Amino acid sequence: MLTYYEAKSGSIWTLDFLPTAPAAAKPELAGTRSGPTSAGVPGLLAGLDALHRKFGLRPWKELVQPAIAFAREGGMPSDPRLAPRDLTTTLLRISEAGPRDFYDGEIAGRIVTNVKSAGGVFAFQDLRSYAPVWRAPMQIQFNGYDIYAPPAPSAGALVIGETLNILRTFDLVASGFQSPKTIHLVAEALRRASIDRSHYISDRRPRDSVS
């Protein structure tokens, strides 16, 4: 999710590129946290593509070059499960063929083949039909400030809003900046808001909301 402020018009928007559940996903798999059946349809690359199409000034190929160089040459410890050579090849393909290749081209075909062979439920149509969604942000008011954050189905703004609603009943100035009491109040407010988020909210965008 991205929150965007346009200084010229004063407008604020959010771009939702959260993962979506594959069409063949079953409700009983909703709580799965690992393995091929836990994966949502990736949205990051589609989100970057949408942002580049709307606001980008430099060629897409040029923007991907630093990522290619990093994958090829390294530079910091990475997850050992990642194969730099395969990552470099994929990024080169995305650079040359464009980001949509990830969703309806050669890369998409490889993703579907590998996920299905591992026992997942991805279909080519899941990737092909993925589209980011521009949404109006959620506005939160706290102590004279306006805070804008991504709305549902992202749960972050709801957690922030509930946390601040709890904290507005306490005098945080009197309790002191970074004092044990203030830290305790903030931690407890976040904990209670997170409990509600886990109990009542899912932040994976369903396929039927894709437009």
Protein backbone atom coordinates (compact mmCIF):
# COMPACT_ATOMS: atom_id res chain seq x y z
CA MET A 1 0.00 0.00 0.00
CA LEU A 2 1.18 3.51 -0.79
CA THR A 3 -0.09 6.89 0.42
CA TYR A 4 0.43 9.70 -2.08
CA TYR A 5 0.15 13.45 -1.49
CA GLU A 6 -0.09 15.72 -4.52
CA ALA A 7 1.15 19.16 -3.52
CA LYS A 8 -0.29 20.91 -6.59
CA SER A 9 -3.90 19.95 -5.88
CA GLY A 10 -3.63 19.09 -2.18
CA SER A 11 -5.22 15.72 -2.88
CA ILE A 12 -4.26 12.53 -1.06
CA TRP A 13 -4.71 9.04 -2.45
CA THR A 14 -3.61 5.54 -1.63
CA LEU A 15 -2.68 2.79 -4.04
CA ASP A 16 -3.66 -0.70 -2.96
CA PHE A 17 -1.34 -3.38 -4.34
CA LEU A 18 -1.84 -5.91 -1.58
CA PRO A 19 -1.69 -9.61 -2.49
CA THR A 20 -4.99 -11.22 -3.45
CA ALA A 21 -6.15 -14.75 -2.78
CA PRO A 22 -6.12 -17.12 -5.79
CA ALA A 23 -9.58 -17.95 -7.16
CA ALA A 24 -9.20 -21.59 -6.10
CA ALA A 25 -8.21 -20.76 -2.52
CA LYS A 26 -10.42 -22.37 0.12
CA PRO A 27 -11.66 -20.59 3.28
CA GLU A 28 -9.99 -23.21 5.46
CA LEU A 29 -6.61 -22.11 4.07
CA ALA A 30 -7.06 -18.50 5.21
CA GLY A 31 -4.97 -19.01 8.33
CA THR A 32 -2.14 -20.81 6.56
CA ARG A 33 1.11 -18.95 7.15
CA SER A 34 3.66 -20.98 5.19
CA GLY A 35 3.93 -23.28 2.21
CA PRO A 36 2.58 -22.95 -1.36
CA THR A 37 -1.08 -22.72 -0.30
CA SER A 38 -0.36 -19.64 1.84
CA ALA A 39 0.82 -17.45 -1.03
CA GLY A 40 -1.28 -14.58 -2.33
CA VAL A 41 -1.05 -13.22 -5.86
CA PRO A 42 1.87 -10.74 -5.65
CA GLY A 43 0.96 -7.10 -6.18
CA LEU A 44 4.20 -5.17 -5.62
CA LEU A 45 5.39 -5.15 -9.21
CA ALA A 46 1.94 -4.19 -10.51
CA GLY A 47 1.88 -1.37 -7.97
CA LEU A 48 5.30 -0.08 -9.07
CA ASP A 49 4.14 -0.29 -12.69
CA ALA A 50 1.01 1.74 -11.92
CA LEU A 51 3.06 4.38 -10.12
CA HIS A 52 5.57 4.56 -12.95
CA ARG A 53 2.83 4.94 -15.56
CA LYS A 54 1.21 7.77 -13.61
CA PHE A 55 4.20 9.63 -12.21
CA GLY A 56 7.38 8.17 -13.72
CA LEU A 57 9.84 10.41 -15.56
CA ARG A 58 12.65 7.96 -16.31
CA PRO A 59 12.44 4.86 -18.52
CA TRP A 60 11.37 1.68 -16.72
CA LYS A 61 14.46 -0.18 -17.93
CA GLU A 62 16.73 2.42 -16.35
CA LEU A 63 14.97 2.18 -12.99
CA VAL A 64 15.42 -1.59 -12.79
CA GLN A 65 19.20 -1.45 -13.36
CA PRO A 66 20.22 -0.90 -9.70
CA ALA A 67 18.20 -3.96 -8.66
CA ILE A 68 19.86 -6.01 -11.39
CA ALA A 69 23.31 -4.87 -10.30
CA PHE A 70 22.52 -5.66 -6.68
CA ALA A 71 21.25 -9.15 -7.54
CA ARG A 72 24.29 -9.83 -9.71
CA GLU A 73 26.97 -8.39 -7.44
CA GLY A 74 25.42 -8.64 -3.99
CA GLY A 75 26.51 -6.14 -1.38
CA MET A 76 24.78 -7.26 1.79
CA PRO A 77 23.76 -10.57 3.38
CA SER A 78 20.63 -12.00 1.78
CA ASP A 79 18.28 -14.88 2.38
CA PRO A 80 20.21 -18.04 1.43
CA ARG A 81 17.05 -19.44 -0.15
CA LEU A 82 17.35 -16.83 -2.92
CA ALA A 83 19.44 -17.84 -5.91
CA PRO A 84 21.13 -14.61 -7.17
CA ARG A 85 21.55 -16.00 -10.70
CA ASP A 86 17.83 -16.74 -11.04
CA LEU A 87 16.96 -13.40 -9.48
CA THR A 88 19.23 -11.59 -11.93
CA THR A 89 17.66 -13.44 -14.87
CA THR A 90 14.16 -12.56 -13.67
CA LEU A 91 15.02 -8.89 -13.18
CA LEU A 92 16.63 -8.73 -16.61
CA ARG A 93 13.45 -10.17 -18.11
CA ILE A 94 11.32 -7.63 -16.22
CA SER A 95 13.62 -4.86 -17.43
CA GLU A 96 13.41 -5.89 -21.08
CA ALA A 97 9.84 -7.21 -21.36
CA GLY A 98 8.27 -4.88 -18.82
CA PRO A 99 6.51 -5.53 -15.51
CA ARG A 100 3.44 -7.09 -17.12
CA ASP A 101 5.54 -10.10 -18.09
CA PHE A 102 5.37 -11.03 -14.43
CA TYR A 103 1.58 -11.28 -14.74
CA ASP A 104 0.84 -12.48 -18.26
CA GLY A 105 4.12 -13.47 -19.88
CA GLU A 106 6.98 -15.92 -19.56
CA ILE A 107 7.60 -15.17 -15.88
CA ALA A 108 3.91 -15.67 -15.08
CA GLY A 109 4.01 -19.09 -16.71
CA ARG A 110 7.01 -20.11 -14.63
CA ILE A 111 5.36 -18.89 -11.42
CA VAL A 112 2.19 -20.88 -12.06
CA THR A 113 4.11 -24.02 -13.04
CA ASN A 114 6.32 -23.95 -9.96
CA VAL A 115 3.54 -23.09 -7.50
CA LYS A 116 1.30 -25.86 -8.82
CA SER A 117 4.12 -28.39 -8.77
CA ALA A 118 4.67 -27.53 -5.10
CA GLY A 119 0.99 -28.09 -4.29
CA GLY A 120 -0.31 -24.53 -4.56
CA VAL A 121 -3.49 -23.34 -6.27
CA PHE A 122 -2.25 -20.49 -8.45
CA ALA A 123 -3.75 -20.23 -11.92
CA PHE A 124 -2.55 -18.11 -14.82
CA GLN A 125 -5.77 -16.11 -14.68
CA ASP A 126 -5.04 -15.11 -11.07
CA LEU A 127 -1.92 -13.30 -12.22
CA ARG A 128 -3.37 -11.98 -15.47
CA SER A 129 -6.39 -10.38 -13.77
CA TYR A 130 -4.43 -8.72 -10.95
CA ALA A 131 -4.77 -4.92 -10.90
CA PRO A 132 -3.86 -2.30 -8.26
CA VAL A 133 -6.68 -0.13 -6.94
CA TRP A 134 -6.55 3.61 -6.21
CA ARG A 135 -8.50 4.35 -3.02
CA ALA A 136 -9.35 7.40 -0.94
CA PRO A 137 -7.29 7.30 2.28
CA MET A 138 -8.57 6.86 5.80
CA GLN A 139 -8.32 10.12 7.75
CA ILE A 140 -7.50 10.03 11.46
CA GLN A 141 -7.57 13.12 13.67
CA PHE A 142 -5.42 13.22 16.78
CA ASN A 143 -4.51 16.21 18.94
CA GLY A 144 -5.10 18.69 16.13
CA TYR A 145 -3.29 16.70 13.47
CA ASP A 146 -4.73 15.01 10.39
CA ILE A 147 -3.21 11.60 9.68
CA TYR A 148 -3.82 9.84 6.37
CA ALA A 149 -3.25 6.14 5.92
CA PRO A 150 -4.35 3.32 3.60
CA PRO A 151 -7.98 2.24 4.18
CA ALA A 152 -9.43 -1.26 4.36
CA PRO A 153 -8.65 -3.93 3.36
CA SER A 154 -5.29 -2.85 4.78
CA ALA A 155 -5.55 -3.06 8.56
CA GLY A 156 -2.73 -0.67 9.42
CA ALA A 157 -4.83 2.50 9.55
CA LEU A 158 -7.45 0.80 11.70
CA VAL A 159 -4.80 -0.27 14.20
CA ILE A 160 -3.33 3.25 14.22
CA GLY A 161 -6.80 4.78 14.65
CA GLU A 162 -7.80 2.52 17.53
CA THR A 163 -4.43 2.98 19.22
CA LEU A 164 -4.75 6.77 19.07
CA ASN A 165 -8.36 6.65 20.24
CA ILE A 166 -7.19 4.77 23.33
CA LEU A 167 -4.28 7.13 23.92
CA ARG A 168 -6.38 10.30 23.57
CA THR A 169 -7.92 9.50 26.96
CA PHE A 170 -4.50 9.88 28.63
CA ASP A 171 -2.34 12.97 29.19
CA LEU A 172 0.83 11.84 27.40
CA VAL A 173 2.47 15.24 27.91
CA ALA A 174 2.12 14.89 31.66
CA SER A 175 3.41 11.33 31.66
CA GLY A 176 6.57 12.48 29.84
CA PHE A 177 8.27 11.74 26.54
CA GLN A 178 9.74 8.22 26.46
CA SER A 179 9.01 7.77 30.16
CA PRO A 180 8.25 4.24 31.43
CA LYS A 181 4.60 5.23 31.91
CA THR A 182 4.24 6.64 28.39
CA ILE A 183 5.97 3.64 26.82
CA HIS A 184 3.70 1.33 28.80
CA LEU A 185 0.56 3.21 27.68
CA VAL A 186 1.59 3.16 24.01
CA ALA A 187 2.55 -0.52 24.14
CA GLU A 188 -0.74 -1.49 25.78
CA ALA A 189 -2.78 0.58 23.33
CA LEU A 190 -0.99 -1.06 20.39
CA ARG A 191 -1.42 -4.49 21.93
CA ARG A 192 -5.16 -4.09 22.39
CA ALA A 193 -5.63 -2.64 18.90
CA SER A 194 -3.60 -5.50 17.42
CA ILE A 195 -5.75 -8.05 19.25
CA ASP A 196 -8.88 -6.53 17.68
CA ARG A 197 -7.20 -6.50 14.28
CA SER A 198 -6.32 -10.18 14.53
CA HIS A 199 -9.80 -11.09 15.71
CA TYR A 200 -11.98 -9.03 13.39
CA ILE A 201 -9.99 -8.07 10.30
CA SER A 202 -8.28 -9.72 7.34
CA ASP A 203 -5.93 -7.59 5.27
CA ARG A 204 -5.79 -9.79 2.19
CA ARG A 205 -7.82 -8.19 -0.58
CA PRO A 206 -10.33 -10.69 -2.07
CA ARG A 207 -10.30 -11.19 -5.82
CA ASP A 208 -13.80 -9.82 -6.30
CA SER A 209 -12.63 -6.36 -5.23
CA VAL A 210 -10.03 -6.16 -7.97
CA SER A 211 -10.90 -3.56 -10.57
